[in-house]
Amino acid sequence: MPQEEKRVLTVDKYERGILIHALNDMRTDLIEEARPTDAVDELLLKTIDAPMKKRGKGEDEER
């Protein structure tokens, strides 16, 4: 079985908030439409629980 490809997304505090709010809004819309929310729930929890990486010495402040 092929290994699942994973990606790492680096976001700041503001961007993380946008992601959480957008996913929660999508979840609310799905609930109102009586559609399953499983995939959005999983992604929302991953976003909320994602570990924070502190910037180390020598890392650029710009992206």
PDB file of N, CA and C in Angstrom:
ATOM      1  N   MET A   1       0.844  -1.177   0.000  1.00  0.00           N
ATOM      2  CA  MET A   1       0.000   0.000   0.000  1.00  0.00           C
ATOM      3  C   MET A   1       0.890   1.241   0.000  1.00  0.00           C
ATOM      4  N   PRO A   2       0.666   2.185  -0.912  1.00  0.00           N
ATOM      5  CA  PRO A   2       1.505   3.380  -0.954  1.00  0.00           C
ATOM      6  C   PRO A   2       1.325   4.237   0.303  1.00  0.00           C
ATOM      7  N   GLN A   3       2.413   4.867   0.706  1.00  0.00           N
ATOM      8  CA  GLN A   3       2.364   5.730   1.883  1.00  0.00           C
ATOM      9  C   GLN A   3       1.625   7.021   1.558  1.00  0.00           C
ATOM     10  N   GLU A   4       0.789   7.462   2.496  1.00  0.00           N
ATOM     11  CA  GLU A   4       0.024   8.691   2.305  1.00  0.00           C
ATOM     12  C   GLU A   4       0.966   9.893   2.304  1.00  0.00           C
ATOM     13  N   GLU A   5       0.790  10.774   1.339  1.00  0.00           N
ATOM     14  CA  GLU A   5       1.608  11.983   1.271  1.00  0.00           C
ATOM     15  C   GLU A   5       1.104  12.988   2.295  1.00  0.00           C
ATOM     16  N   LYS A   6       2.018  13.569   3.050  1.00  0.00           N
ATOM     17  CA  LYS A   6       1.654  14.571   4.038  1.00  0.00           C
ATOM     18  C   LYS A   6       2.326  15.886   3.678  1.00  0.00           C
ATOM     19  N   ARG A   7       1.689  16.969   4.072  1.00  0.00           N
ATOM     20  CA  ARG A   7       2.226  18.308   3.835  1.00  0.00           C
ATOM     21  C   ARG A   7       2.209  19.075   5.138  1.00  0.00           C
ATOM     22  N   VAL A   8       3.153  19.967   5.283  1.00  0.00           N
ATOM     23  CA  VAL A   8       3.224  20.823   6.459  1.00  0.00           C
ATOM     24  C   VAL A   8       2.910  22.243   6.019  1.00  0.00           C
ATOM     25  N   LEU A   9       1.991  22.867   6.733  1.00  0.00           N
ATOM     26  CA  LEU A   9       1.572  24.225   6.419  1.00  0.00           C
ATOM     27  C   LEU A   9       1.963  25.105   7.596  1.00  0.00           C
ATOM     28  N   THR A  10       2.732  26.142   7.347  1.00  0.00           N
ATOM     29  CA  THR A  10       3.144  27.056   8.395  1.00  0.00           C
ATOM     30  C   THR A  10       2.291  28.311   8.326  1.00  0.00           C
ATOM     31  N   VAL A  11       1.599  28.593   9.432  1.00  0.00           N
ATOM     32  CA  VAL A  11       0.740  29.769   9.491  1.00  0.00           C
ATOM     33  C   VAL A  11       1.018  30.524  10.781  1.00  0.00           C
ATOM     34  N   ASP A  12       0.751  31.814  10.767  1.00  0.00           N
ATOM     35  CA  ASP A  12       0.916  32.585  11.997  1.00  0.00           C
ATOM     36  C   ASP A  12      -0.392  32.546  12.802  1.00  0.00           C
ATOM     37  N   LYS A  13      -0.381  33.198  13.955  1.00  0.00           N
ATOM     38  CA  LYS A  13      -1.522  33.182  14.866  1.00  0.00           C
ATOM     39  C   LYS A  13      -2.790  33.700  14.175  1.00  0.00           C
ATOM     40  N   TYR A  14      -2.668  34.763  13.422  1.00  0.00           N
ATOM     41  CA  TYR A  14      -3.799  35.368  12.716  1.00  0.00           C
ATOM     42  C   TYR A  14      -4.370  34.406  11.671  1.00  0.00           C
ATOM     43  N   GLU A  15      -3.496  33.815  10.866  1.00  0.00           N
ATOM     44  CA  GLU A  15      -3.926  32.880   9.823  1.00  0.00           C
ATOM     45  C   GLU A  15      -4.578  31.633  10.426  1.00  0.00           C
ATOM     46  N   ARG A  16      -4.044  31.171  11.537  1.00  0.00           N
ATOM     47  CA  ARG A  16      -4.622  30.010  12.231  1.00  0.00           C
ATOM     48  C   ARG A  16      -6.058  30.325  12.654  1.00  0.00           C
ATOM     49  N   GLY A  17      -6.271  31.524  13.175  1.00  0.00           N
ATOM     50  CA  GLY A  17      -7.611  31.938  13.566  1.00  0.00           C
ATOM     51  C   GLY A  17      -8.573  31.956  12.393  1.00  0.00           C
ATOM     52  N   ILE A  18      -8.092  32.446  11.251  1.00  0.00           N
ATOM     53  CA  ILE A  18      -8.921  32.465  10.045  1.00  0.00           C
ATOM     54  C   ILE A  18      -9.313  31.043   9.643  1.00  0.00           C
ATOM     55  N   LEU A  19      -8.345  30.132   9.672  1.00  0.00           N
ATOM     56  CA  LEU A  19      -8.630  28.737   9.313  1.00  0.00           C
ATOM     57  C   LEU A  19      -9.680  28.130  10.242  1.00  0.00           C
ATOM     58  N   ILE A  20      -9.516  28.345  11.538  1.00  0.00           N
ATOM     59  CA  ILE A  20     -10.456  27.775  12.506  1.00  0.00           C
ATOM     60  C   ILE A  20     -11.858  28.338  12.297  1.00  0.00           C
ATOM     61  N   HIS A  21     -11.966  29.648  12.120  1.00  0.00           N
ATOM     62  CA  HIS A  21     -13.278  30.260  11.910  1.00  0.00           C
ATOM     63  C   HIS A  21     -13.913  29.795  10.592  1.00  0.00           C
ATOM     64  N   ALA A  22     -13.128  29.704   9.535  1.00  0.00           N
ATOM     65  CA  ALA A  22     -13.656  29.274   8.241  1.00  0.00           C
ATOM     66  C   ALA A  22     -14.145  27.829   8.302  1.00  0.00           C
ATOM     67  N   LEU A  23     -13.366  26.964   8.938  1.00  0.00           N
ATOM     68  CA  LEU A  23     -13.783  25.567   9.067  1.00  0.00           C
ATOM     69  C   LEU A  23     -15.028  25.438   9.932  1.00  0.00           C
ATOM     70  N   ASN A  24     -15.096  26.224  10.995  1.00  0.00           N
ATOM     71  CA  ASN A  24     -16.269  26.180  11.858  1.00  0.00           C
ATOM     72  C   ASN A  24     -17.515  26.681  11.118  1.00  0.00           C
ATOM     73  N   ASP A  25     -17.360  27.730  10.310  1.00  0.00           N
ATOM     74  CA  ASP A  25     -18.481  28.218   9.495  1.00  0.00           C
ATOM     75  C   ASP A  25     -18.940  27.153   8.499  1.00  0.00           C
ATOM     76  N   MET A  26     -17.979  26.459   7.895  1.00  0.00           N
ATOM     77  CA  MET A  26     -18.310  25.395   6.952  1.00  0.00           C
ATOM     78  C   MET A  26     -19.052  24.270   7.681  1.00  0.00           C
ATOM     79  N   ARG A  27     -18.592  23.932   8.860  1.00  0.00           N
ATOM     80  CA  ARG A  27     -19.238  22.888   9.655  1.00  0.00           C
ATOM     81  C   ARG A  27     -20.683  23.284   9.984  1.00  0.00           C
ATOM     82  N   THR A  28     -20.879  24.527  10.371  1.00  0.00           N
ATOM     83  CA  THR A  28     -22.217  25.024  10.686  1.00  0.00           C
ATOM     84  C   THR A  28     -23.130  24.924   9.460  1.00  0.00           C
ATOM     85  N   ASP A  29     -22.623  25.311   8.295  1.00  0.00           N
ATOM     86  CA  ASP A  29     -23.411  25.219   7.059  1.00  0.00           C
ATOM     87  C   ASP A  29     -23.787  23.767   6.755  1.00  0.00           C
ATOM     88  N   LEU A  30     -22.838  22.848   6.942  1.00  0.00           N
ATOM     89  CA  LEU A  30     -23.128  21.433   6.685  1.00  0.00           C
ATOM     90  C   LEU A  30     -24.201  20.914   7.640  1.00  0.00           C
ATOM     91  N   ILE A  31     -24.123  21.311   8.899  1.00  0.00           N
ATOM     92  CA  ILE A  31     -25.127  20.891   9.874  1.00  0.00           C
ATOM     93  C   ILE A  31     -26.502  21.412   9.474  1.00  0.00           C
ATOM     94  N   GLU A  32     -26.575  22.671   9.059  1.00  0.00           N
ATOM     95  CA  GLU A  32     -27.852  23.253   8.632  1.00  0.00           C
ATOM     96  C   GLU A  32     -28.430  22.534   7.414  1.00  0.00           C
ATOM     97  N   GLU A  33     -27.556  21.994   6.570  1.00  0.00           N
ATOM     98  CA  GLU A  33     -27.986  21.266   5.375  1.00  0.00           C
ATOM     99  C   GLU A  33     -28.174  19.779   5.650  1.00  0.00           C
ATOM    100  N   ALA A  34     -28.016  19.367   6.912  1.00  0.00           N
ATOM    101  CA  ALA A  34     -28.141  17.961   7.321  1.00  0.00           C
ATOM    102  C   ALA A  34     -27.168  17.063   6.544  1.00  0.00           C
ATOM    103  N   ARG A  35     -25.952  17.569   6.328  1.00  0.00           N
ATOM    104  CA  ARG A  35     -24.909  16.806   5.626  1.00  0.00           C
ATOM    105  C   ARG A  35     -23.851  16.378   6.631  1.00  0.00           C
ATOM    106  N   PRO A  36     -23.091  15.322   6.321  1.00  0.00           N
ATOM    107  CA  PRO A  36     -22.059  14.849   7.247  1.00  0.00           C
ATOM    108  C   PRO A  36     -20.931  15.875   7.428  1.00  0.00           C
ATOM    109  N   THR A  37     -20.409  15.943   8.641  1.00  0.00           N
ATOM    110  CA  THR A  37     -19.346  16.908   8.956  1.00  0.00           C
ATOM    111  C   THR A  37     -18.021  16.231   9.298  1.00  0.00           C
ATOM    112  N   ASP A  38     -17.933  14.922   9.121  1.00  0.00           N
ATOM    113  CA  ASP A  38     -16.775  14.158   9.573  1.00  0.00           C
ATOM    114  C   ASP A  38     -15.434  14.714   9.078  1.00  0.00           C
ATOM    115  N   ALA A  39     -15.321  14.959   7.787  1.00  0.00           N
ATOM    116  CA  ALA A  39     -14.046  15.430   7.226  1.00  0.00           C
ATOM    117  C   ALA A  39     -13.682  16.809   7.773  1.00  0.00           C
ATOM    118  N   VAL A  40     -14.663  17.697   7.869  1.00  0.00           N
ATOM    119  CA  VAL A  40     -14.408  19.044   8.389  1.00  0.00           C
ATOM    120  C   VAL A  40     -14.076  18.969   9.875  1.00  0.00           C
ATOM    121  N   ASP A  41     -14.763  18.092  10.613  1.00  0.00           N
ATOM    122  CA  ASP A  41     -14.475  17.914  12.038  1.00  0.00           C
ATOM    123  C   ASP A  41     -13.022  17.504  12.249  1.00  0.00           C
ATOM    124  N   GLU A  42     -12.564  16.533  11.464  1.00  0.00           N
ATOM    125  CA  GLU A  42     -11.183  16.053  11.595  1.00  0.00           C
ATOM    126  C   GLU A  42     -10.182  17.164  11.302  1.00  0.00           C
ATOM    127  N   LEU A  43     -10.418  17.899  10.241  1.00  0.00           N
ATOM    128  CA  LEU A  43      -9.506  18.978   9.863  1.00  0.00           C
ATOM    129  C   LEU A  43      -9.534  20.112  10.887  1.00  0.00           C
ATOM    130  N   LEU A  44     -10.702  20.408  11.421  1.00  0.00           N
ATOM    131  CA  LEU A  44     -10.828  21.434  12.453  1.00  0.00           C
ATOM    132  C   LEU A  44     -10.045  21.037  13.697  1.00  0.00           C
ATOM    133  N   LEU A  45     -10.161  19.785  14.128  1.00  0.00           N
ATOM    134  CA  LEU A  45      -9.420  19.313  15.305  1.00  0.00           C
ATOM    135  C   LEU A  45      -7.909  19.316  15.054  1.00  0.00           C
ATOM    136  N   LYS A  46      -7.493  18.915  13.845  1.00  0.00           N
ATOM    137  CA  LYS A  46      -6.064  18.954  13.514  1.00  0.00           C
ATOM    138  C   LYS A  46      -5.529  20.379  13.592  1.00  0.00           C
ATOM    139  N   THR A  47      -6.320  21.324  13.109  1.00  0.00           N
ATOM    140  CA  THR A  47      -5.902  22.732  13.122  1.00  0.00           C
ATOM    141  C   THR A  47      -5.808  23.257  14.550  1.00  0.00           C
ATOM    142  N   ILE A  48      -6.800  22.930  15.370  1.00  0.00           N
ATOM    143  CA  ILE A  48      -6.813  23.388  16.754  1.00  0.00           C
ATOM    144  C   ILE A  48      -5.658  22.769  17.547  1.00  0.00           C
ATOM    145  N   ASP A  49      -5.400  21.485  17.325  1.00  0.00           N
ATOM    146  CA  ASP A  49      -4.401  20.747  18.107  1.00  0.00           C
ATOM    147  C   ASP A  49      -2.993  20.787  17.518  1.00  0.00           C
ATOM    148  N   ALA A  50      -2.800  21.460  16.395  1.00  0.00           N
ATOM    149  CA  ALA A  50      -1.480  21.480  15.751  1.00  0.00           C
ATOM    150  C   ALA A  50      -0.438  22.081  16.680  1.00  0.00           C
ATOM    151  N   PRO A  51       0.723  21.422  16.772  1.00  0.00           N
ATOM    152  CA  PRO A  51       1.772  21.941  17.646  1.00  0.00           C
ATOM    153  C   PRO A  51       2.347  23.249  17.116  1.00  0.00           C
ATOM    154  N   MET A  52       2.825  24.069  18.038  1.00  0.00           N
ATOM    155  CA  MET A  52       3.430  25.337  17.662  1.00  0.00           C
ATOM    156  C   MET A  52       4.946  25.150  17.632  1.00  0.00           C
ATOM    157  N   LYS A  53       5.568  25.664  16.607  1.00  0.00           N
ATOM    158  CA  LYS A  53       7.017  25.598  16.484  1.00  0.00           C
ATOM    159  C   LYS A  53       7.558  26.994  16.746  1.00  0.00           C
ATOM    160  N   LYS A  54       8.425  27.106  17.732  1.00  0.00           N
ATOM    161  CA  LYS A  54       9.063  28.382  18.040  1.00  0.00           C
ATOM    162  C   LYS A  54      10.113  28.669  16.978  1.00  0.00           C
ATOM    163  N   ARG A  55      10.280  29.930  16.654  1.00  0.00           N
ATOM    164  CA  ARG A  55      11.340  30.322  15.714  1.00  0.00           C
ATOM    165  C   ARG A  55      12.689  30.159  16.391  1.00  0.00           C
ATOM    166  N   GLY A  56      13.595  29.543  15.675  1.00  0.00           N
ATOM    167  CA  GLY A  56      14.936  29.361  16.193  1.00  0.00           C
ATOM    168  C   GLY A  56      15.854  30.489  15.762  1.00  0.00           C
ATOM    169  N   LYS A  57      17.046  30.517  16.333  1.00  0.00           N
ATOM    170  CA  LYS A  57      18.016  31.534  15.928  1.00  0.00           C
ATOM    171  C   LYS A  57      18.373  31.342  14.471  1.00  0.00           C
ATOM    172  N   GLY A  58      18.465  32.449  13.766  1.00  0.00           N
ATOM    173  CA  GLY A  58      18.875  32.400  12.371  1.00  0.00           C
ATOM    174  C   GLY A  58      17.731  32.199  11.393  1.00  0.00           C
ATOM    175  N   GLU A  59      16.518  31.954  11.882  1.00  0.00           N
ATOM    176  CA  GLU A  59      15.400  31.813  10.968  1.00  0.00           C
ATOM    177  C   GLU A  59      14.898  33.173  10.553  1.00  0.00           C
ATOM    178  N   ASP A  60      14.588  33.320   9.290  1.00  0.00           N
ATOM    179  CA  ASP A  60      14.106  34.599   8.776  1.00  0.00           C
ATOM    180  C   ASP A  60      12.753  34.951   9.388  1.00  0.00           C
ATOM    181  N   GLU A  61      12.531  36.224   9.625  1.00  0.00           N
ATOM    182  CA  GLU A  61      11.253  36.691  10.143  1.00  0.00           C
ATOM    183  C   GLU A  61      10.223  36.788   9.015  1.00  0.00           C
ATOM    184  N   GLU A  62      10.689  36.913   7.768  1.00  0.00           N
ATOM    185  CA  GLU A  62       9.784  37.012   6.637  1.00  0.00           C
ATOM    186  C   GLU A  62       9.567  35.634   6.058  1.00  0.00           C
ATOM    187  N   ARG A  63       8.441  35.499   5.324  1.00  0.00           N
ATOM    188  CA  ARG A  63       8.151  34.223   4.669  1.00  0.00           C
ATOM    189  C   ARG A  63       8.686  34.203   3.300  1.00  0.00           C
TER     190      ARG A  63
END
